[in-house]
Amino acid sequence: MNEKALEKILNIFSKEILPLTEQGVARGSKIFGAAIIKKDDLSLVVADTNNEIENPLWHGEMHTLKKFYELDANTRPNEKDCIFLSSHEPCSMCLSGITFSGFDNFYYVFPYTETNDQFKIPHDLNILKEVFKINDGEYNKENSYWKSHNINLLIENLPTSKKEDILKQLDEIKKKYQALSNQYQENKHENSIPLN
């Protein structure tokens, strides 16, 4: 993926996903958001955020899938023609949701280790370990269903001359997520999400 495509993807995070996530965190939900964009022109199809306050299954990815399937089936793009964006590496439920929906890819900013260490949300790694006996979140990231992409690694693989602006853009996104995480952690005792 070239730098122009990565810039567009980061713009989707900044302009579409993060504003929704700010609203979700203000209501008491976690910081996870997602979007579905078209492969051909990287235009937005739908974006949403975690809505666990309404339903504990409405993780960012699952709520985005819900919104995607609420679109008119006659105009909704085919899953194989789309890119699935996720702020954080999807949990086992969201991995399954993406798989059962027929998407052949997903891209994320924060890997499991950062979700656990930086954002103090250990459930993804814990569930993989306790239920599936997978240590350190090392599932098969390229398989017959989909291929996953860590956006940080895609940026690192760009030529040095192309990286500086994109890294600044990514850093701004990460700072916003950290601030939202701090807000969520400070207030999570006030909500009724089963796995805070």
N, C-alpha and C. Protein backbone atom coordinates (compact mmCIF):
# COMPACT_ATOMS: atom_id res chain seq x y z
N MET A 1 0.85 -1.18 0.00
CA MET A 1 0.00 0.00 0.00
C MET A 1 0.89 1.24 0.00
N ASN A 2 0.60 2.19 -0.88
CA ASN A 2 1.45 3.37 -1.01
C ASN A 2 1.06 4.46 0.00
N GLU A 3 1.86 5.52 0.03
CA GLU A 3 1.66 6.55 1.04
C GLU A 3 0.34 7.30 0.86
N LYS A 4 -0.11 7.48 -0.39
CA LYS A 4 -1.37 8.19 -0.62
C LYS A 4 -2.54 7.41 -0.05
N ALA A 5 -2.52 6.10 -0.25
CA ALA A 5 -3.59 5.25 0.29
C ALA A 5 -3.56 5.26 1.81
N LEU A 6 -2.37 5.20 2.39
CA LEU A 6 -2.26 5.23 3.85
C LEU A 6 -2.73 6.57 4.41
N GLU A 7 -2.42 7.66 3.72
CA GLU A 7 -2.91 8.97 4.14
C GLU A 7 -4.44 9.01 4.15
N LYS A 8 -5.06 8.46 3.10
CA LYS A 8 -6.52 8.42 3.03
C LYS A 8 -7.10 7.59 4.17
N ILE A 9 -6.47 6.45 4.44
CA ILE A 9 -6.95 5.59 5.52
C ILE A 9 -6.83 6.31 6.86
N LEU A 10 -5.71 6.97 7.11
CA LEU A 10 -5.55 7.70 8.36
C LEU A 10 -6.55 8.86 8.46
N ASN A 11 -6.91 9.46 7.32
CA ASN A 11 -7.93 10.50 7.32
C ASN A 11 -9.29 9.94 7.73
N ILE A 12 -9.58 8.72 7.34
CA ILE A 12 -10.83 8.07 7.76
C ILE A 12 -10.85 7.93 9.28
N PHE A 13 -9.71 7.54 9.86
CA PHE A 13 -9.64 7.46 11.32
C PHE A 13 -9.87 8.83 11.94
N SER A 14 -9.17 9.85 11.44
CA SER A 14 -9.25 11.19 12.03
C SER A 14 -10.63 11.83 11.88
N LYS A 15 -11.20 11.72 10.70
CA LYS A 15 -12.41 12.49 10.39
C LYS A 15 -13.71 11.72 10.56
N GLU A 16 -13.64 10.40 10.55
CA GLU A 16 -14.86 9.60 10.61
C GLU A 16 -14.96 8.76 11.89
N ILE A 17 -13.93 7.99 12.18
CA ILE A 17 -13.99 7.05 13.31
C ILE A 17 -13.81 7.77 14.64
N LEU A 18 -12.78 8.58 14.75
CA LEU A 18 -12.49 9.24 16.04
C LEU A 18 -13.63 10.12 16.55
N PRO A 19 -14.29 10.93 15.72
CA PRO A 19 -15.41 11.72 16.24
C PRO A 19 -16.52 10.85 16.83
N LEU A 20 -16.80 9.72 16.18
CA LEU A 20 -17.81 8.80 16.72
C LEU A 20 -17.33 8.16 18.02
N THR A 21 -16.03 7.86 18.08
CA THR A 21 -15.47 7.25 19.28
C THR A 21 -15.50 8.24 20.45
N GLU A 22 -15.26 9.50 20.18
CA GLU A 22 -15.36 10.52 21.22
C GLU A 22 -16.77 10.52 21.82
N GLN A 23 -17.78 10.42 20.97
CA GLN A 23 -19.17 10.38 21.45
C GLN A 23 -19.43 9.11 22.26
N GLY A 24 -18.90 7.97 21.76
CA GLY A 24 -19.09 6.70 22.46
C GLY A 24 -18.44 6.68 23.83
N VAL A 25 -17.23 7.20 23.91
CA VAL A 25 -16.53 7.24 25.20
C VAL A 25 -17.27 8.17 26.16
N ALA A 26 -17.80 9.27 25.65
CA ALA A 26 -18.56 10.19 26.50
C ALA A 26 -19.79 9.51 27.10
N ARG A 27 -20.34 8.51 26.38
CA ARG A 27 -21.49 7.76 26.90
C ARG A 27 -21.06 6.61 27.82
N GLY A 28 -19.74 6.29 27.83
CA GLY A 28 -19.25 5.23 28.70
C GLY A 28 -18.72 4.00 28.01
N SER A 29 -18.73 3.98 26.67
CA SER A 29 -18.23 2.82 25.93
C SER A 29 -16.72 2.87 25.77
N LYS A 30 -16.14 1.75 25.37
CA LYS A 30 -14.70 1.66 25.15
C LYS A 30 -14.30 2.41 23.89
N ILE A 31 -13.01 2.42 23.63
CA ILE A 31 -12.40 3.28 22.60
C ILE A 31 -12.31 2.66 21.21
N PHE A 32 -12.91 1.52 21.00
CA PHE A 32 -12.73 0.81 19.73
C PHE A 32 -13.69 1.31 18.65
N GLY A 33 -13.15 1.59 17.47
CA GLY A 33 -13.97 2.03 16.34
C GLY A 33 -13.57 1.31 15.07
N ALA A 34 -14.39 1.45 14.05
CA ALA A 34 -14.12 0.75 12.78
C ALA A 34 -14.79 1.49 11.63
N ALA A 35 -14.38 1.13 10.42
CA ALA A 35 -15.00 1.67 9.21
C ALA A 35 -14.84 0.65 8.10
N ILE A 36 -15.72 0.76 7.13
CA ILE A 36 -15.64 -0.04 5.91
C ILE A 36 -15.53 0.96 4.77
N ILE A 37 -14.51 0.77 3.94
CA ILE A 37 -14.28 1.66 2.80
C ILE A 37 -14.17 0.83 1.52
N LYS A 38 -14.37 1.48 0.40
CA LYS A 38 -14.27 0.79 -0.90
C LYS A 38 -12.80 0.63 -1.28
N LYS A 39 -12.47 -0.51 -1.83
CA LYS A 39 -11.10 -0.76 -2.27
C LYS A 39 -10.70 0.13 -3.44
N ASP A 40 -11.62 0.39 -4.35
CA ASP A 40 -11.22 1.08 -5.58
C ASP A 40 -10.85 2.54 -5.38
N ASP A 41 -11.59 3.25 -4.52
CA ASP A 41 -11.29 4.68 -4.35
C ASP A 41 -11.09 5.09 -2.88
N LEU A 42 -11.16 4.12 -1.97
CA LEU A 42 -10.98 4.32 -0.53
C LEU A 42 -12.02 5.27 0.05
N SER A 43 -13.18 5.34 -0.59
CA SER A 43 -14.26 6.18 -0.06
C SER A 43 -14.99 5.44 1.06
N LEU A 44 -15.52 6.21 1.98
CA LEU A 44 -16.21 5.65 3.14
C LEU A 44 -17.55 5.04 2.75
N VAL A 45 -17.79 3.84 3.25
CA VAL A 45 -19.11 3.21 3.14
C VAL A 45 -19.86 3.43 4.44
N VAL A 46 -19.22 3.09 5.57
CA VAL A 46 -19.83 3.25 6.88
C VAL A 46 -18.73 3.26 7.94
N ALA A 47 -18.98 3.99 9.01
CA ALA A 47 -18.07 4.00 10.16
C ALA A 47 -18.92 3.97 11.42
N ASP A 48 -18.37 3.40 12.47
CA ASP A 48 -19.06 3.42 13.75
C ASP A 48 -18.06 3.14 14.86
N THR A 49 -18.57 3.05 16.06
CA THR A 49 -17.72 2.89 17.22
C THR A 49 -18.36 1.92 18.20
N ASN A 50 -17.64 1.61 19.24
CA ASN A 50 -18.12 0.73 20.29
C ASN A 50 -19.39 1.29 20.91
N ASN A 51 -20.37 0.41 21.10
CA ASN A 51 -21.63 0.82 21.73
C ASN A 51 -22.03 -0.23 22.78
N GLU A 52 -21.05 -0.62 23.61
CA GLU A 52 -21.30 -1.64 24.63
C GLU A 52 -22.29 -1.17 25.69
N ILE A 53 -22.49 0.12 25.81
CA ILE A 53 -23.48 0.64 26.77
C ILE A 53 -24.87 0.13 26.39
N GLU A 54 -25.14 0.04 25.09
CA GLU A 54 -26.43 -0.47 24.61
C GLU A 54 -26.48 -1.99 24.64
N ASN A 55 -25.38 -2.62 24.21
CA ASN A 55 -25.33 -4.08 24.08
C ASN A 55 -23.87 -4.50 24.18
N PRO A 56 -23.50 -5.42 25.08
CA PRO A 56 -22.09 -5.78 25.23
C PRO A 56 -21.47 -6.42 24.00
N LEU A 57 -22.28 -6.82 23.03
CA LEU A 57 -21.75 -7.38 21.78
C LEU A 57 -21.42 -6.31 20.75
N TRP A 58 -21.84 -5.07 20.99
CA TRP A 58 -21.61 -4.01 20.02
C TRP A 58 -20.20 -3.43 20.15
N HIS A 59 -19.20 -4.29 19.95
CA HIS A 59 -17.83 -3.79 19.82
C HIS A 59 -17.78 -2.90 18.58
N GLY A 60 -16.73 -2.12 18.45
CA GLY A 60 -16.64 -1.22 17.30
C GLY A 60 -16.83 -1.91 15.97
N GLU A 61 -16.17 -3.06 15.81
CA GLU A 61 -16.27 -3.80 14.55
C GLU A 61 -17.68 -4.36 14.35
N MET A 62 -18.24 -4.94 15.42
CA MET A 62 -19.56 -5.56 15.31
C MET A 62 -20.65 -4.50 15.04
N HIS A 63 -20.53 -3.36 15.68
CA HIS A 63 -21.52 -2.30 15.46
C HIS A 63 -21.39 -1.73 14.05
N THR A 64 -20.16 -1.68 13.54
CA THR A 64 -19.95 -1.23 12.16
C THR A 64 -20.54 -2.23 11.18
N LEU A 65 -20.35 -3.53 11.45
CA LEU A 65 -20.97 -4.55 10.60
C LEU A 65 -22.50 -4.43 10.62
N LYS A 66 -23.05 -4.20 11.80
CA LYS A 66 -24.51 -4.00 11.92
C LYS A 66 -24.95 -2.87 11.02
N LYS A 67 -24.25 -1.73 11.09
CA LYS A 67 -24.60 -0.57 10.27
C LYS A 67 -24.44 -0.88 8.78
N PHE A 68 -23.40 -1.63 8.43
CA PHE A 68 -23.16 -2.01 7.03
C PHE A 68 -24.34 -2.80 6.49
N TYR A 69 -24.83 -3.76 7.26
CA TYR A 69 -25.93 -4.59 6.78
C TYR A 69 -27.29 -3.92 6.90
N GLU A 70 -27.35 -2.76 7.50
CA GLU A 70 -28.57 -1.96 7.48
C GLU A 70 -28.66 -1.10 6.22
N LEU A 71 -27.56 -0.99 5.47
CA LEU A 71 -27.59 -0.27 4.20
C LEU A 71 -28.42 -1.06 3.19
N ASP A 72 -28.98 -0.37 2.22
CA ASP A 72 -29.77 -1.00 1.17
C ASP A 72 -28.92 -2.04 0.43
N ALA A 73 -29.38 -3.26 0.40
CA ALA A 73 -28.62 -4.36 -0.22
C ALA A 73 -28.39 -4.12 -1.71
N ASN A 74 -29.23 -3.33 -2.35
CA ASN A 74 -29.07 -3.05 -3.78
C ASN A 74 -27.94 -2.08 -4.07
N THR A 75 -27.56 -1.27 -3.09
CA THR A 75 -26.49 -0.29 -3.30
C THR A 75 -25.26 -0.56 -2.45
N ARG A 76 -25.40 -1.43 -1.45
CA ARG A 76 -24.27 -1.76 -0.57
C ARG A 76 -23.21 -2.51 -1.38
N PRO A 77 -21.94 -2.11 -1.26
CA PRO A 77 -20.89 -2.82 -2.02
C PRO A 77 -20.68 -4.24 -1.50
N ASN A 78 -20.16 -5.08 -2.35
CA ASN A 78 -19.81 -6.44 -1.95
C ASN A 78 -18.64 -6.39 -0.97
N GLU A 79 -18.67 -7.27 0.01
CA GLU A 79 -17.62 -7.31 1.03
C GLU A 79 -16.23 -7.46 0.43
N LYS A 80 -16.11 -8.24 -0.62
CA LYS A 80 -14.80 -8.47 -1.25
C LYS A 80 -14.27 -7.22 -1.96
N ASP A 81 -15.15 -6.24 -2.15
CA ASP A 81 -14.75 -4.98 -2.78
C ASP A 81 -14.44 -3.91 -1.75
N CYS A 82 -14.35 -4.32 -0.49
CA CYS A 82 -14.16 -3.36 0.60
C CYS A 82 -12.93 -3.67 1.44
N ILE A 83 -12.48 -2.64 2.13
CA ILE A 83 -11.42 -2.75 3.14
C ILE A 83 -12.08 -2.52 4.49
N PHE A 84 -11.75 -3.39 5.44
CA PHE A 84 -12.28 -3.26 6.79
C PHE A 84 -11.20 -2.63 7.66
N LEU A 85 -11.50 -1.47 8.24
CA LEU A 85 -10.57 -0.76 9.11
C LEU A 85 -11.00 -0.91 10.56
N SER A 86 -10.05 -1.14 11.43
CA SER A 86 -10.33 -1.26 12.86
C SER A 86 -9.28 -0.48 13.63
N SER A 87 -9.72 0.27 14.63
CA SER A 87 -8.74 1.03 15.40
C SER A 87 -7.78 0.09 16.11
N HIS A 88 -8.30 -1.01 16.66
CA HIS A 88 -7.50 -1.97 17.43
C HIS A 88 -7.63 -3.35 16.79
N GLU A 89 -6.62 -4.15 16.95
CA GLU A 89 -6.66 -5.51 16.43
C GLU A 89 -7.91 -6.20 16.96
N PRO A 90 -8.75 -6.74 16.08
CA PRO A 90 -10.05 -7.26 16.51
C PRO A 90 -9.96 -8.45 17.47
N CYS A 91 -10.85 -8.43 18.46
CA CYS A 91 -10.95 -9.55 19.41
C CYS A 91 -11.47 -10.79 18.68
N SER A 92 -11.53 -11.90 19.37
CA SER A 92 -11.95 -13.15 18.74
C SER A 92 -13.39 -13.07 18.21
N MET A 93 -14.29 -12.39 18.91
CA MET A 93 -15.66 -12.23 18.41
C MET A 93 -15.67 -11.41 17.12
N CYS A 94 -14.92 -10.33 17.12
CA CYS A 94 -14.90 -9.46 15.94
C CYS A 94 -14.18 -10.12 14.77
N LEU A 95 -13.12 -10.89 15.06
CA LEU A 95 -12.47 -11.67 14.00
C LEU A 95 -13.49 -12.59 13.34
N SER A 96 -14.31 -13.23 14.17
CA SER A 96 -15.33 -14.14 13.63
C SER A 96 -16.38 -13.37 12.85
N GLY A 97 -16.79 -12.20 13.36
CA GLY A 97 -17.77 -11.39 12.65
C GLY A 97 -17.28 -10.96 11.28
N ILE A 98 -16.03 -10.53 11.21
CA ILE A 98 -15.43 -10.15 9.93
C ILE A 98 -15.38 -11.35 8.99
N THR A 99 -15.01 -12.50 9.53
CA THR A 99 -14.90 -13.72 8.74
C THR A 99 -16.27 -14.16 8.22
N PHE A 100 -17.25 -14.27 9.10
CA PHE A 100 -18.58 -14.72 8.68
C PHE A 100 -19.24 -13.74 7.72
N SER A 101 -18.83 -12.49 7.75
CA SER A 101 -19.38 -11.49 6.83
C SER A 101 -18.75 -11.57 5.44
N GLY A 102 -17.62 -12.24 5.31
CA GLY A 102 -17.02 -12.43 4.00
C GLY A 102 -15.98 -11.42 3.59
N PHE A 103 -15.52 -10.58 4.51
CA PHE A 103 -14.44 -9.65 4.18
C PHE A 103 -13.14 -10.43 4.04
N ASP A 104 -12.31 -10.06 3.09
CA ASP A 104 -11.06 -10.80 2.86
C ASP A 104 -9.84 -10.07 3.44
N ASN A 105 -10.09 -9.06 4.28
CA ASN A 105 -8.99 -8.28 4.84
C ASN A 105 -9.47 -7.51 6.06
N PHE A 106 -8.54 -7.07 6.86
CA PHE A 106 -8.77 -6.00 7.82
C PHE A 106 -7.44 -5.34 8.15
N TYR A 107 -7.51 -4.05 8.48
CA TYR A 107 -6.36 -3.21 8.79
C TYR A 107 -6.59 -2.60 10.16
N TYR A 108 -5.56 -2.56 10.99
CA TYR A 108 -5.72 -2.01 12.33
C TYR A 108 -4.50 -1.17 12.71
N VAL A 109 -4.71 -0.26 13.70
CA VAL A 109 -3.64 0.62 14.17
C VAL A 109 -2.95 0.04 15.39
N PHE A 110 -3.72 -0.38 16.39
CA PHE A 110 -3.15 -0.82 17.67
C PHE A 110 -3.21 -2.35 17.79
N PRO A 111 -2.06 -3.01 17.88
CA PRO A 111 -2.07 -4.46 18.10
C PRO A 111 -2.49 -4.81 19.52
N TYR A 112 -2.79 -6.09 19.73
CA TYR A 112 -3.24 -6.57 21.04
C TYR A 112 -2.35 -6.10 22.19
N THR A 113 -1.04 -6.15 21.98
CA THR A 113 -0.13 -5.80 23.08
C THR A 113 -0.35 -4.36 23.53
N GLU A 114 -0.61 -3.46 22.59
CA GLU A 114 -0.86 -2.07 22.97
C GLU A 114 -2.23 -1.92 23.62
N THR A 115 -3.22 -2.66 23.13
CA THR A 115 -4.54 -2.63 23.76
C THR A 115 -4.42 -3.04 25.22
N ASN A 116 -3.61 -4.06 25.48
CA ASN A 116 -3.40 -4.56 26.83
C ASN A 116 -2.53 -3.60 27.66
N ASP A 117 -1.37 -3.25 27.16
CA ASP A 117 -0.39 -2.50 27.94
C ASP A 117 -0.69 -1.00 28.02
N GLN A 118 -0.96 -0.41 26.88
CA GLN A 118 -1.14 1.04 26.81
C GLN A 118 -2.54 1.47 27.23
N PHE A 119 -3.55 0.68 26.83
CA PHE A 119 -4.93 1.08 27.07
C PHE A 119 -5.57 0.33 28.24
N LYS A 120 -4.83 -0.58 28.85
CA LYS A 120 -5.30 -1.30 30.05
C LYS A 120 -6.59 -2.07 29.81
N ILE A 121 -6.72 -2.65 28.60
CA ILE A 121 -7.87 -3.50 28.28
C ILE A 121 -7.31 -4.87 27.87
N PRO A 122 -7.25 -5.82 28.82
CA PRO A 122 -6.58 -7.09 28.61
C PRO A 122 -7.45 -8.20 28.01
N HIS A 123 -8.74 -7.93 27.80
CA HIS A 123 -9.68 -9.01 27.49
C HIS A 123 -9.37 -9.76 26.20
N ASP A 124 -8.91 -9.06 25.16
CA ASP A 124 -8.62 -9.74 23.89
C ASP A 124 -7.58 -10.84 24.09
N LEU A 125 -6.47 -10.48 24.70
CA LEU A 125 -5.41 -11.47 24.93
C LEU A 125 -5.86 -12.55 25.91
N ASN A 126 -6.59 -12.16 26.95
CA ASN A 126 -7.04 -13.13 27.94
C ASN A 126 -7.99 -14.16 27.35
N ILE A 127 -8.93 -13.71 26.52
CA ILE A 127 -9.88 -14.64 25.91
C ILE A 127 -9.16 -15.59 24.95
N LEU A 128 -8.25 -15.04 24.14
CA LEU A 128 -7.50 -15.92 23.23
C LEU A 128 -6.74 -16.99 24.01
N LYS A 129 -6.17 -16.60 25.14
CA LYS A 129 -5.40 -17.54 25.95
C LYS A 129 -6.31 -18.55 26.66
N GLU A 130 -7.33 -18.05 27.34
CA GLU A 130 -8.19 -18.92 28.15
C GLU A 130 -9.07 -19.83 27.30
N VAL A 131 -9.62 -19.32 26.22
CA VAL A 131 -10.57 -20.10 25.42
C VAL A 131 -9.87 -20.90 24.33
N PHE A 132 -8.92 -20.26 23.63
CA PHE A 132 -8.31 -20.89 22.47
C PHE A 132 -6.88 -21.39 22.70
N LYS A 133 -6.34 -21.14 23.90
CA LYS A 133 -4.98 -21.53 24.25
C LYS A 133 -3.94 -20.91 23.31
N ILE A 134 -4.21 -19.67 22.92
CA ILE A 134 -3.30 -18.91 22.06
C ILE A 134 -2.55 -17.92 22.94
N ASN A 135 -1.24 -18.06 23.01
CA ASN A 135 -0.43 -17.15 23.80
C ASN A 135 0.00 -15.95 22.98
N ASP A 136 0.03 -14.80 23.60
CA ASP A 136 0.52 -13.55 23.00
C ASP A 136 -0.26 -13.13 21.76
N GLY A 137 -1.48 -13.64 21.59
CA GLY A 137 -2.33 -13.22 20.47
C GLY A 137 -1.84 -13.65 19.11
N GLU A 138 -1.06 -14.70 19.05
CA GLU A 138 -0.44 -15.11 17.79
C GLU A 138 -1.33 -16.05 16.97
N TYR A 139 -2.47 -15.55 16.50
CA TYR A 139 -3.32 -16.30 15.58
C TYR A 139 -2.72 -16.22 14.17
N ASN A 140 -3.29 -16.97 13.25
CA ASN A 140 -2.80 -17.00 11.86
C ASN A 140 -3.30 -15.75 11.13
N LYS A 141 -2.43 -14.77 10.96
CA LYS A 141 -2.83 -13.46 10.45
C LYS A 141 -3.03 -13.41 8.93
N GLU A 142 -2.69 -14.49 8.26
CA GLU A 142 -3.00 -14.63 6.84
C GLU A 142 -3.48 -16.06 6.65
N ASN A 143 -4.73 -16.20 6.23
CA ASN A 143 -5.33 -17.52 6.14
C ASN A 143 -6.27 -17.57 4.94
N SER A 144 -7.02 -18.64 4.80
CA SER A 144 -7.87 -18.79 3.61
C SER A 144 -9.09 -17.86 3.64
N TYR A 145 -9.35 -17.21 4.77
CA TYR A 145 -10.47 -16.28 4.86
C TYR A 145 -10.05 -14.84 4.59
N TRP A 146 -8.97 -14.39 5.21
CA TRP A 146 -8.56 -13.01 5.12
C TRP A 146 -7.07 -12.85 5.42
N LYS A 147 -6.62 -11.64 5.14
CA LYS A 147 -5.26 -11.25 5.50
C LYS A 147 -5.36 -10.00 6.36
N SER A 148 -4.67 -10.00 7.50
CA SER A 148 -4.69 -8.82 8.36
C SER A 148 -3.45 -7.97 8.12
N HIS A 149 -3.59 -6.68 8.40
CA HIS A 149 -2.52 -5.73 8.14
C HIS A 149 -2.37 -4.77 9.32
N ASN A 150 -1.20 -4.72 9.89
CA ASN A 150 -0.88 -3.75 10.93
C ASN A 150 -0.45 -2.46 10.22
N ILE A 151 -1.23 -1.40 10.37
CA ILE A 151 -0.96 -0.15 9.66
C ILE A 151 0.41 0.42 10.03
N ASN A 152 0.84 0.23 11.26
CA ASN A 152 2.17 0.71 11.68
C ASN A 152 3.27 0.07 10.84
N LEU A 153 3.15 -1.23 10.58
CA LEU A 153 4.16 -1.93 9.79
C LEU A 153 4.13 -1.49 8.33
N LEU A 154 2.93 -1.22 7.81
CA LEU A 154 2.83 -0.73 6.43
C LEU A 154 3.53 0.62 6.29
N ILE A 155 3.37 1.48 7.28
CA ILE A 155 4.04 2.78 7.26
C ILE A 155 5.54 2.61 7.39
N GLU A 156 5.97 1.72 8.27
CA GLU A 156 7.41 1.47 8.45
C GLU A 156 8.07 0.99 7.17
N ASN A 157 7.33 0.29 6.32
CA ASN A 157 7.88 -0.25 5.08
C ASN A 157 7.92 0.75 3.94
N LEU A 158 7.39 1.96 4.16
CA LEU A 158 7.48 2.99 3.13
C LEU A 158 8.92 3.50 3.02
N PRO A 159 9.29 4.02 1.86
CA PRO A 159 10.60 4.66 1.76
C PRO A 159 10.71 5.81 2.76
N THR A 160 11.88 6.04 3.30
CA THR A 160 12.10 7.05 4.33
C THR A 160 11.56 8.41 3.93
N SER A 161 11.74 8.78 2.68
CA SER A 161 11.31 10.11 2.21
C SER A 161 9.78 10.26 2.24
N LYS A 162 9.05 9.17 2.27
CA LYS A 162 7.58 9.22 2.23
C LYS A 162 6.94 9.10 3.62
N LYS A 163 7.74 8.84 4.64
CA LYS A 163 7.20 8.48 5.95
C LYS A 163 6.89 9.65 6.88
N GLU A 164 7.63 10.71 6.81
CA GLU A 164 7.59 11.73 7.85
C GLU A 164 6.19 12.28 8.10
N ASP A 165 5.50 12.73 7.05
CA ASP A 165 4.16 13.31 7.23
C ASP A 165 3.16 12.27 7.72
N ILE A 166 3.26 11.07 7.20
CA ILE A 166 2.33 10.02 7.60
C ILE A 166 2.55 9.64 9.06
N LEU A 167 3.81 9.59 9.49
CA LEU A 167 4.09 9.28 10.89
C LEU A 167 3.55 10.38 11.82
N LYS A 168 3.62 11.63 11.39
CA LYS A 168 3.04 12.73 12.18
C LYS A 168 1.52 12.55 12.29
N GLN A 169 0.90 12.22 11.19
CA GLN A 169 -0.55 12.00 11.17
C GLN A 169 -0.92 10.84 12.10
N LEU A 170 -0.17 9.75 12.02
CA LEU A 170 -0.42 8.60 12.88
C LEU A 170 -0.21 8.95 14.35
N ASP A 171 0.81 9.73 14.63
CA ASP A 171 1.10 10.13 16.01
C ASP A 171 -0.05 10.94 16.59
N GLU A 172 -0.64 11.82 15.80
CA GLU A 172 -1.79 12.61 16.26
C GLU A 172 -2.98 11.71 16.57
N ILE A 173 -3.21 10.73 15.74
CA ILE A 173 -4.30 9.77 15.97
C ILE A 173 -4.05 9.01 17.26
N LYS A 174 -2.82 8.56 17.47
CA LYS A 174 -2.49 7.80 18.68
C LYS A 174 -2.66 8.65 19.94
N LYS A 175 -2.29 9.91 19.86
CA LYS A 175 -2.48 10.80 21.01
C LYS A 175 -3.95 10.96 21.36
N LYS A 176 -4.80 11.07 20.34
CA LYS A 176 -6.23 11.21 20.58
C LYS A 176 -6.80 9.95 21.22
N TYR A 177 -6.36 8.80 20.73
CA TYR A 177 -6.83 7.55 21.33
C TYR A 177 -6.36 7.42 22.78
N GLN A 178 -5.15 7.87 23.07
CA GLN A 178 -4.66 7.79 24.45
C GLN A 178 -5.48 8.69 25.36
N ALA A 179 -5.82 9.88 24.88
CA ALA A 179 -6.65 10.78 25.69
C ALA A 179 -8.04 10.17 25.92
N LEU A 180 -8.61 9.55 24.88
CA LEU A 180 -9.91 8.90 25.04
C LEU A 180 -9.82 7.71 25.98
N SER A 181 -8.72 6.99 25.91
CA SER A 181 -8.52 5.86 26.82
C SER A 181 -8.47 6.33 28.27
N ASN A 182 -7.74 7.42 28.50
CA ASN A 182 -7.66 7.97 29.85
C ASN A 182 -9.05 8.35 30.36
N GLN A 183 -9.84 8.95 29.49
CA GLN A 183 -11.20 9.34 29.85
C GLN A 183 -12.04 8.11 30.18
N TYR A 184 -11.95 7.08 29.33
CA TYR A 184 -12.70 5.85 29.58
C TYR A 184 -12.29 5.22 30.91
N GLN A 185 -10.99 5.10 31.15
CA GLN A 185 -10.51 4.46 32.38
C GLN A 185 -10.96 5.22 33.63
N GLU A 186 -10.98 6.54 33.55
CA GLU A 186 -11.40 7.35 34.70
C GLU A 186 -12.87 7.16 35.04
N ASN A 187 -13.68 6.85 34.03
CA ASN A 187 -15.13 6.81 34.23
C ASN A 187 -15.75 5.43 34.13
N LYS A 188 -14.97 4.40 33.85
CA LYS A 188 -15.56 3.09 33.56
C LYS A 188 -16.32 2.49 34.74
N HIS A 189 -15.99 2.87 35.95
CA HIS A 189 -16.70 2.34 37.12
C HIS A 189 -18.16 2.78 37.14
N GLU A 190 -18.50 3.77 36.33
CA GLU A 190 -19.88 4.29 36.30
C GLU A 190 -20.77 3.53 35.33
N ASN A 191 -20.20 2.67 34.48
CA ASN A 191 -21.04 1.97 33.50
C ASN A 191 -21.26 0.51 33.90
N SER A 192 -22.06 -0.17 33.12
CA SER A 192 -22.43 -1.55 33.45
C SER A 192 -21.92 -2.56 32.41
N ILE A 193 -20.84 -2.25 31.73
CA ILE A 193 -20.28 -3.17 30.74
C ILE A 193 -19.71 -4.37 31.50
N PRO A 194 -20.08 -5.62 31.13
CA PRO A 194 -19.61 -6.78 31.87
C PRO A 194 -18.09 -6.91 31.96
N LEU A 195 -17.40 -6.70 30.85
CA LEU A 195 -15.92 -6.78 30.87
C LEU A 195 -15.36 -5.38 30.72
N ASN A 196 -15.25 -4.68 31.83
CA ASN A 196 -14.67 -3.34 31.83
C ASN A 196 -13.18 -3.47 31.64
